[in-house]
Structures are given as structure tokens and as C-alpha cells.
Amino acid sequence: SFIMHETTPVYPDTLVWIRDYTFSYNEP
């Protein structure tokens, strides 16, 4: 009962460069 089971997506969120800075050109 003390064994915890987790499933986690591993690929980084590459869209953070655009999401964090709406009015910046970070597409590259």
C-alpha cells in the first residue's frame, strides 16, 4: 500500500519560450 505509482510525460514543453513572453519573437 505504501508503493506509489506515477506516470509522467517526459518531453520538455518547448512552447514555453512563446508562452512566457507573449510579445517577443522566440519561435527559433
PDB file of all heavy atoms in Angstrom:
ATOM      1  N   SER A   1       0.824  -1.209   0.000  1.00  0.00           N
ATOM      2  CA  SER A   1       0.000   0.000   0.000  1.00  0.00           C
ATOM      3  C   SER A   1       0.858   1.259   0.000  1.00  0.00           C
ATOM      4  O   SER A   1       0.394   2.335  -0.392  1.00  0.00           O
ATOM      5  CB  SER A   1      -0.927   0.014   1.221  1.00  0.00           C
ATOM      6  OG  SER A   1      -1.832  -1.065   1.200  1.00  0.00           O
ATOM      7  N   PHE A   2       2.100   1.138   0.452  1.00  0.00           N
ATOM      8  CA  PHE A   2       2.980   2.302   0.516  1.00  0.00           C
ATOM      9  C   PHE A   2       3.772   2.516  -0.771  1.00  0.00           C
ATOM     10  O   PHE A   2       4.569   3.438  -0.861  1.00  0.00           O
ATOM     11  CB  PHE A   2       3.946   2.161   1.692  1.00  0.00           C
ATOM     12  CG  PHE A   2       3.248   1.963   3.015  1.00  0.00           C
ATOM     13  CD1 PHE A   2       3.384   0.782   3.724  1.00  0.00           C
ATOM     14  CD2 PHE A   2       2.431   2.954   3.524  1.00  0.00           C
ATOM     15  CE1 PHE A   2       2.731   0.591   4.929  1.00  0.00           C
ATOM     16  CE2 PHE A   2       1.771   2.782   4.734  1.00  0.00           C
ATOM     17  CZ  PHE A   2       1.915   1.596   5.442  1.00  0.00           C
ATOM     18  N   ILE A   3       3.560   1.651  -1.760  1.00  0.00           N
ATOM     19  CA  ILE A   3       4.223   1.804  -3.048  1.00  0.00           C
ATOM     20  C   ILE A   3       3.381   2.739  -3.917  1.00  0.00           C
ATOM     21  O   ILE A   3       2.225   2.442  -4.226  1.00  0.00           O
ATOM     22  CB  ILE A   3       4.416   0.452  -3.756  1.00  0.00           C
ATOM     23  CG1 ILE A   3       5.278  -0.479  -2.901  1.00  0.00           C
ATOM     24  CG2 ILE A   3       5.051   0.652  -5.126  1.00  0.00           C
ATOM     25  CD1 ILE A   3       5.435  -1.867  -3.482  1.00  0.00           C
ATOM     26  N   MET A   4       3.957   3.864  -4.294  1.00  0.00           N
ATOM     27  CA  MET A   4       3.262   4.844  -5.119  1.00  0.00           C
ATOM     28  C   MET A   4       3.594   4.610  -6.594  1.00  0.00           C
ATOM     29  O   MET A   4       4.736   4.290  -6.949  1.00  0.00           O
ATOM     30  CB  MET A   4       3.676   6.262  -4.736  1.00  0.00           C
ATOM     31  CG  MET A   4       3.408   6.636  -3.282  1.00  0.00           C
ATOM     32  SD  MET A   4       1.645   6.764  -2.899  1.00  0.00           S
ATOM     33  CE  MET A   4       1.483   5.403  -1.716  1.00  0.00           C
ATOM     34  N   HIS A   5       2.592   4.770  -7.437  1.00  0.00           N
ATOM     35  CA  HIS A   5       2.750   4.570  -8.879  1.00  0.00           C
ATOM     36  C   HIS A   5       2.493   5.893  -9.592  1.00  0.00           C
ATOM     37  O   HIS A   5       1.456   6.527  -9.373  1.00  0.00           O
ATOM     38  CB  HIS A   5       1.769   3.501  -9.359  1.00  0.00           C
ATOM     39  CG  HIS A   5       1.723   3.343 -10.844  1.00  0.00           C
ATOM     40  ND1 HIS A   5       0.553   3.187 -11.555  1.00  0.00           N
ATOM     41  CD2 HIS A   5       2.714   3.340 -11.769  1.00  0.00           C
ATOM     42  CE1 HIS A   5       0.815   3.082 -12.838  1.00  0.00           C
ATOM     43  NE2 HIS A   5       2.123   3.170 -12.994  1.00  0.00           N
ATOM     44  N   GLU A   6       3.445   6.311 -10.419  1.00  0.00           N
ATOM     45  CA  GLU A   6       3.279   7.560 -11.160  1.00  0.00           C
ATOM     46  C   GLU A   6       3.650   7.363 -12.624  1.00  0.00           C
ATOM     47  O   GLU A   6       4.553   6.580 -12.951  1.00  0.00           O
ATOM     48  CB  GLU A   6       4.140   8.674 -10.559  1.00  0.00           C
ATOM     49  CG  GLU A   6       3.687   9.112  -9.172  1.00  0.00           C
ATOM     50  CD  GLU A   6       4.341  10.406  -8.721  1.00  0.00           C
ATOM     51  OE1 GLU A   6       4.392  11.346  -9.544  1.00  0.00           O
ATOM     52  OE2 GLU A   6       4.787  10.467  -7.561  1.00  0.00           O
ATOM     53  N   THR A   7       2.966   8.096 -13.491  1.00  0.00           N
ATOM     54  CA  THR A   7       3.267   8.119 -14.915  1.00  0.00           C
ATOM     55  C   THR A   7       3.423   9.578 -15.326  1.00  0.00           C
ATOM     56  O   THR A   7       2.493  10.370 -15.158  1.00  0.00           O
ATOM     57  CB  THR A   7       2.163   7.450 -15.743  1.00  0.00           C
ATOM     58  OG1 THR A   7       2.001   6.091 -15.310  1.00  0.00           O
ATOM     59  CG2 THR A   7       2.503   7.467 -17.219  1.00  0.00           C
ATOM     60  N   THR A   8       4.592   9.932 -15.847  1.00  0.00           N
ATOM     61  CA  THR A   8       4.907  11.327 -16.139  1.00  0.00           C
ATOM     62  C   THR A   8       5.334  11.502 -17.590  1.00  0.00           C
ATOM     63  O   THR A   8       6.251  10.807 -18.058  1.00  0.00           O
ATOM     64  CB  THR A   8       6.051  11.811 -15.225  1.00  0.00           C
ATOM     65  OG1 THR A   8       5.680  11.606 -13.860  1.00  0.00           O
ATOM     66  CG2 THR A   8       6.352  13.284 -15.460  1.00  0.00           C
ATOM     67  N   PRO A   9       4.709  12.421 -18.328  1.00  0.00           N
ATOM     68  CA  PRO A   9       5.219  12.766 -19.667  1.00  0.00           C
ATOM     69  C   PRO A   9       6.616  13.356 -19.524  1.00  0.00           C
ATOM     70  O   PRO A   9       6.875  14.139 -18.607  1.00  0.00           O
ATOM     71  CB  PRO A   9       4.217  13.814 -20.167  1.00  0.00           C
ATOM     72  CG  PRO A   9       3.003  13.643 -19.308  1.00  0.00           C
ATOM     73  CD  PRO A   9       3.498  13.174 -17.984  1.00  0.00           C
ATOM     74  N   VAL A  10       7.529  13.007 -20.406  1.00  0.00           N
ATOM     75  CA  VAL A  10       8.928  13.400 -20.200  1.00  0.00           C
ATOM     76  C   VAL A  10       9.423  14.477 -21.158  1.00  0.00           C
ATOM     77  O   VAL A  10      10.434  15.131 -20.876  1.00  0.00           O
ATOM     78  CB  VAL A  10       9.859  12.166 -20.309  1.00  0.00           C
ATOM     79  CG1 VAL A  10       9.470  11.133 -19.259  1.00  0.00           C
ATOM     80  CG2 VAL A  10       9.838  11.562 -21.700  1.00  0.00           C
ATOM     81  N   TYR A  11       8.746  14.690 -22.271  1.00  0.00           N
ATOM     82  CA  TYR A  11       9.278  15.636 -23.252  1.00  0.00           C
ATOM     83  C   TYR A  11       9.097  17.061 -22.751  1.00  0.00           C
ATOM     84  O   TYR A  11       8.019  17.432 -22.288  1.00  0.00           O
ATOM     85  CB  TYR A  11       8.579  15.476 -24.607  1.00  0.00           C
ATOM     86  CG  TYR A  11       9.391  16.004 -25.764  1.00  0.00           C
ATOM     87  CD1 TYR A  11      10.354  15.209 -26.367  1.00  0.00           C
ATOM     88  CD2 TYR A  11       9.225  17.310 -26.233  1.00  0.00           C
ATOM     89  CE1 TYR A  11      11.123  15.681 -27.427  1.00  0.00           C
ATOM     90  CE2 TYR A  11       9.989  17.799 -27.282  1.00  0.00           C
ATOM     91  CZ  TYR A  11      10.936  16.980 -27.875  1.00  0.00           C
ATOM     92  OH  TYR A  11      11.704  17.462 -28.908  1.00  0.00           O
ATOM     93  N   PRO A  12      10.153  17.897 -22.814  1.00  0.00           N
ATOM     94  CA  PRO A  12      10.025  19.276 -22.340  1.00  0.00           C
ATOM     95  C   PRO A  12       8.979  20.048 -23.135  1.00  0.00           C
ATOM     96  O   PRO A  12       8.747  19.772 -24.323  1.00  0.00           O
ATOM     97  CB  PRO A  12      11.423  19.866 -22.577  1.00  0.00           C
ATOM     98  CG  PRO A  12      12.332  18.696 -22.689  1.00  0.00           C
ATOM     99  CD  PRO A  12      11.512  17.586 -23.280  1.00  0.00           C
ATOM    100  N   ASP A  13       8.365  21.022 -22.494  1.00  0.00           N
ATOM    101  CA  ASP A  13       7.398  21.891 -23.158  1.00  0.00           C
ATOM    102  C   ASP A  13       8.178  22.971 -23.904  1.00  0.00           C
ATOM    103  O   ASP A  13       8.601  23.971 -23.327  1.00  0.00           O
ATOM    104  CB  ASP A  13       6.464  22.515 -22.122  1.00  0.00           C
ATOM    105  CG  ASP A  13       5.361  23.343 -22.758  1.00  0.00           C
ATOM    106  OD1 ASP A  13       5.386  23.523 -23.996  1.00  0.00           O
ATOM    107  OD2 ASP A  13       4.483  23.816 -22.022  1.00  0.00           O
ATOM    108  N   THR A  14       8.381  22.775 -25.200  1.00  0.00           N
ATOM    109  CA  THR A  14       9.185  23.719 -25.981  1.00  0.00           C
ATOM    110  C   THR A  14       8.438  25.021 -26.273  1.00  0.00           C
ATOM    111  O   THR A  14       9.055  26.001 -26.688  1.00  0.00           O
ATOM    112  CB  THR A  14       9.614  23.075 -27.311  1.00  0.00           C
ATOM    113  OG1 THR A  14       8.450  22.651 -28.033  1.00  0.00           O
ATOM    114  CG2 THR A  14      10.506  21.865 -27.051  1.00  0.00           C
ATOM    115  N   LEU A  15       7.140  25.041 -26.043  1.00  0.00           N
ATOM    116  CA  LEU A  15       6.356  26.252 -26.290  1.00  0.00           C
ATOM    117  C   LEU A  15       6.503  27.286 -25.176  1.00  0.00           C
ATOM    118  O   LEU A  15       5.938  28.378 -25.275  1.00  0.00           O
ATOM    119  CB  LEU A  15       4.879  25.890 -26.478  1.00  0.00           C
ATOM    120  CG  LEU A  15       4.544  25.131 -27.769  1.00  0.00           C
ATOM    121  CD1 LEU A  15       3.105  24.640 -27.724  1.00  0.00           C
ATOM    122  CD2 LEU A  15       4.760  26.013 -28.989  1.00  0.00           C
ATOM    123  N   VAL A  16       7.241  26.963 -24.120  1.00  0.00           N
ATOM    124  CA  VAL A  16       7.391  27.920 -23.016  1.00  0.00           C
ATOM    125  C   VAL A  16       8.040  29.212 -23.484  1.00  0.00           C
ATOM    126  O   VAL A  16       7.782  30.291 -22.932  1.00  0.00           O
ATOM    127  CB  VAL A  16       8.201  27.312 -21.855  1.00  0.00           C
ATOM    128  CG1 VAL A  16       7.423  26.200 -21.181  1.00  0.00           C
ATOM    129  CG2 VAL A  16       9.570  26.831 -22.328  1.00  0.00           C
ATOM    130  N   TRP A  17       8.895  29.116 -24.498  1.00  0.00           N
ATOM    131  CA  TRP A  17       9.581  30.316 -24.986  1.00  0.00           C
ATOM    132  C   TRP A  17       8.593  31.331 -25.553  1.00  0.00           C
ATOM    133  O   TRP A  17       8.840  32.545 -25.504  1.00  0.00           O
ATOM    134  CB  TRP A  17      10.614  29.947 -26.042  1.00  0.00           C
ATOM    135  CG  TRP A  17      11.774  29.186 -25.492  1.00  0.00           C
ATOM    136  CD1 TRP A  17      12.013  27.844 -25.602  1.00  0.00           C
ATOM    137  CD2 TRP A  17      12.859  29.722 -24.722  1.00  0.00           C
ATOM    138  NE1 TRP A  17      13.172  27.502 -24.958  1.00  0.00           N
ATOM    139  CE2 TRP A  17      13.728  28.637 -24.410  1.00  0.00           C
ATOM    140  CE3 TRP A  17      13.193  30.995 -24.273  1.00  0.00           C
ATOM    141  CZ2 TRP A  17      14.889  28.804 -23.669  1.00  0.00           C
ATOM    142  CZ3 TRP A  17      14.353  31.165 -23.533  1.00  0.00           C
ATOM    143  CH2 TRP A  17      15.190  30.084 -23.237  1.00  0.00           C
ATOM    144  N   ILE A  18       7.487  30.860 -26.090  1.00  0.00           N
ATOM    145  CA  ILE A  18       6.459  31.762 -26.614  1.00  0.00           C
ATOM    146  C   ILE A  18       5.432  32.086 -25.547  1.00  0.00           C
ATOM    147  O   ILE A  18       5.011  33.231 -25.384  1.00  0.00           O
ATOM    148  CB  ILE A  18       5.774  31.120 -27.844  1.00  0.00           C
ATOM    149  CG1 ILE A  18       6.798  30.923 -28.967  1.00  0.00           C
ATOM    150  CG2 ILE A  18       4.605  31.976 -28.321  1.00  0.00           C
ATOM    151  CD1 ILE A  18       6.245  30.198 -30.172  1.00  0.00           C
ATOM    152  N   ARG A  19       5.048  31.081 -24.764  1.00  0.00           N
ATOM    153  CA  ARG A  19       4.007  31.272 -23.746  1.00  0.00           C
ATOM    154  C   ARG A  19       4.452  32.260 -22.666  1.00  0.00           C
ATOM    155  O   ARG A  19       3.661  33.068 -22.186  1.00  0.00           O
ATOM    156  CB  ARG A  19       3.654  29.923 -23.112  1.00  0.00           C
ATOM    157  CG  ARG A  19       2.510  29.987 -22.105  1.00  0.00           C
ATOM    158  CD  ARG A  19       2.215  28.631 -21.497  1.00  0.00           C
ATOM    159  NE  ARG A  19       1.873  27.648 -22.515  1.00  0.00           N
ATOM    160  CZ  ARG A  19       2.638  26.607 -22.820  1.00  0.00           C
ATOM    161  NH1 ARG A  19       3.793  26.422 -22.183  1.00  0.00           N
ATOM    162  NH2 ARG A  19       2.274  25.755 -23.747  1.00  0.00           N
ATOM    163  N   ASP A  20       5.714  32.199 -22.265  1.00  0.00           N
ATOM    164  CA  ASP A  20       6.198  33.064 -21.190  1.00  0.00           C
ATOM    165  C   ASP A  20       6.340  34.521 -21.623  1.00  0.00           C
ATOM    166  O   ASP A  20       6.322  35.424 -20.780  1.00  0.00           O
ATOM    167  CB  ASP A  20       7.559  32.563 -20.678  1.00  0.00           C
ATOM    168  CG  ASP A  20       7.449  31.256 -19.916  1.00  0.00           C
ATOM    169  OD1 ASP A  20       6.325  30.869 -19.568  1.00  0.00           O
ATOM    170  OD2 ASP A  20       8.495  30.615 -19.671  1.00  0.00           O
ATOM    171  N   TYR A  21       6.464  34.744 -22.946  1.00  0.00           N
ATOM    172  CA  TYR A  21       6.707  36.103 -23.444  1.00  0.00           C
ATOM    173  C   TYR A  21       5.827  36.354 -24.664  1.00  0.00           C
ATOM    174  O   TYR A  21       6.251  36.151 -25.800  1.00  0.00           O
ATOM    175  CB  TYR A  21       8.193  36.292 -23.782  1.00  0.00           C
ATOM    176  CG  TYR A  21       9.082  35.946 -22.618  1.00  0.00           C
ATOM    177  CD1 TYR A  21       9.678  34.696 -22.527  1.00  0.00           C
ATOM    178  CD2 TYR A  21       9.276  36.849 -21.580  1.00  0.00           C
ATOM    179  CE1 TYR A  21      10.463  34.362 -21.441  1.00  0.00           C
ATOM    180  CE2 TYR A  21      10.057  36.524 -20.485  1.00  0.00           C
ATOM    181  CZ  TYR A  21      10.646  35.286 -20.421  1.00  0.00           C
ATOM    182  OH  TYR A  21      11.413  34.945 -19.336  1.00  0.00           O
ATOM    183  N   THR A  22       4.634  36.791 -24.410  1.00  0.00           N
ATOM    184  CA  THR A  22       3.639  36.934 -25.473  1.00  0.00           C
ATOM    185  C   THR A  22       4.101  37.872 -26.579  1.00  0.00           C
ATOM    186  O   THR A  22       3.911  37.596 -27.761  1.00  0.00           O
ATOM    187  CB  THR A  22       2.315  37.447 -24.881  1.00  0.00           C
ATOM    188  OG1 THR A  22       1.892  36.565 -23.843  1.00  0.00           O
ATOM    189  CG2 THR A  22       1.243  37.518 -25.948  1.00  0.00           C
ATOM    190  N   PHE A  23       4.715  38.978 -26.213  1.00  0.00           N
ATOM    191  CA  PHE A  23       5.092  39.973 -27.213  1.00  0.00           C
ATOM    192  C   PHE A  23       6.587  39.945 -27.512  1.00  0.00           C
ATOM    193  O   PHE A  23       7.250  40.977 -27.589  1.00  0.00           O
ATOM    194  CB  PHE A  23       4.650  41.363 -26.743  1.00  0.00           C
ATOM    195  CG  PHE A  23       3.161  41.477 -26.554  1.00  0.00           C
ATOM    196  CD1 PHE A  23       2.614  41.504 -25.283  1.00  0.00           C
ATOM    197  CD2 PHE A  23       2.309  41.499 -27.642  1.00  0.00           C
ATOM    198  CE1 PHE A  23       1.244  41.576 -25.097  1.00  0.00           C
ATOM    199  CE2 PHE A  23       0.933  41.578 -27.469  1.00  0.00           C
ATOM    200  CZ  PHE A  23       0.399  41.608 -26.198  1.00  0.00           C
ATOM    201  N   SER A  24       7.126  38.732 -27.633  1.00  0.00           N
ATOM    202  CA  SER A  24       8.527  38.536 -28.013  1.00  0.00           C
ATOM    203  C   SER A  24       8.591  37.522 -29.156  1.00  0.00           C
ATOM    204  O   SER A  24       7.726  36.643 -29.267  1.00  0.00           O
ATOM    205  CB  SER A  24       9.348  38.007 -26.833  1.00  0.00           C
ATOM    206  OG  SER A  24       9.381  38.925 -25.770  1.00  0.00           O
ATOM    207  N   TYR A  25       9.631  37.651 -29.982  1.00  0.00           N
ATOM    208  CA  TYR A  25       9.815  36.702 -31.074  1.00  0.00           C
ATOM    209  C   TYR A  25      10.780  35.614 -30.613  1.00  0.00           C
ATOM    210  O   TYR A  25      12.000  35.781 -30.652  1.00  0.00           O
ATOM    211  CB  TYR A  25      10.370  37.389 -32.323  1.00  0.00           C
ATOM    212  CG  TYR A  25      10.626  36.425 -33.460  1.00  0.00           C
ATOM    213  CD1 TYR A  25       9.557  35.782 -34.094  1.00  0.00           C
ATOM    214  CD2 TYR A  25      11.918  36.129 -33.874  1.00  0.00           C
ATOM    215  CE1 TYR A  25       9.784  34.882 -35.123  1.00  0.00           C
ATOM    216  CE2 TYR A  25      12.156  35.229 -34.896  1.00  0.00           C
ATOM    217  CZ  TYR A  25      11.085  34.606 -35.510  1.00  0.00           C
ATOM    218  OH  TYR A  25      11.307  33.713 -36.528  1.00  0.00           O
ATOM    219  N   ASN A  26      10.223  34.493 -30.164  1.00  0.00           N
ATOM    220  CA  ASN A  26      11.027  33.390 -29.648  1.00  0.00           C
ATOM    221  C   ASN A  26      10.791  32.086 -30.387  1.00  0.00           C
ATOM    222  O   ASN A  26      11.140  31.008 -29.898  1.00  0.00           O
ATOM    223  CB  ASN A  26      10.745  33.186 -28.155  1.00  0.00           C
ATOM    224  CG  ASN A  26      11.342  34.295 -27.310  1.00  0.00           C
ATOM    225  OD1 ASN A  26      12.356  34.877 -27.670  1.00  0.00           O
ATOM    226  ND2 ASN A  26      10.703  34.602 -26.188  1.00  0.00           N
ATOM    227  N   GLU A  27      10.202  32.173 -31.588  1.00  0.00           N
ATOM    228  CA  GLU A  27       9.960  30.954 -32.366  1.00  0.00           C
ATOM    229  C   GLU A  27      11.225  30.145 -32.640  1.00  0.00           C
ATOM    230  O   GLU A  27      11.189  28.898 -32.587  1.00  0.00           O
ATOM    231  CB  GLU A  27       9.264  31.319 -33.683  1.00  0.00           C
ATOM    232  CG  GLU A  27       7.764  31.488 -33.581  1.00  0.00           C
ATOM    233  CD  GLU A  27       7.357  32.835 -32.956  1.00  0.00           C
ATOM    234  OE1 GLU A  27       8.250  33.586 -32.493  1.00  0.00           O
ATOM    235  OE2 GLU A  27       6.150  33.132 -32.931  1.00  0.00           O
ATOM    236  N   PRO A  28      12.369  30.777 -32.932  1.00  0.00           N
ATOM    237  CA  PRO A  28      13.588  29.964 -33.155  1.00  0.00           C
ATOM    238  C   PRO A  28      13.948  29.098 -31.950  1.00  0.00           C
ATOM    239  O   PRO A  28      14.388  27.953 -32.112  1.00  0.00           O
ATOM    240  CB  PRO A  28      14.659  31.027 -33.424  1.00  0.00           C
ATOM    241  CG  PRO A  28      13.900  32.181 -33.987  1.00  0.00           C
ATOM    242  CD  PRO A  28      12.609  32.200 -33.227  1.00  0.00           C
TER     243      PRO A  28
END
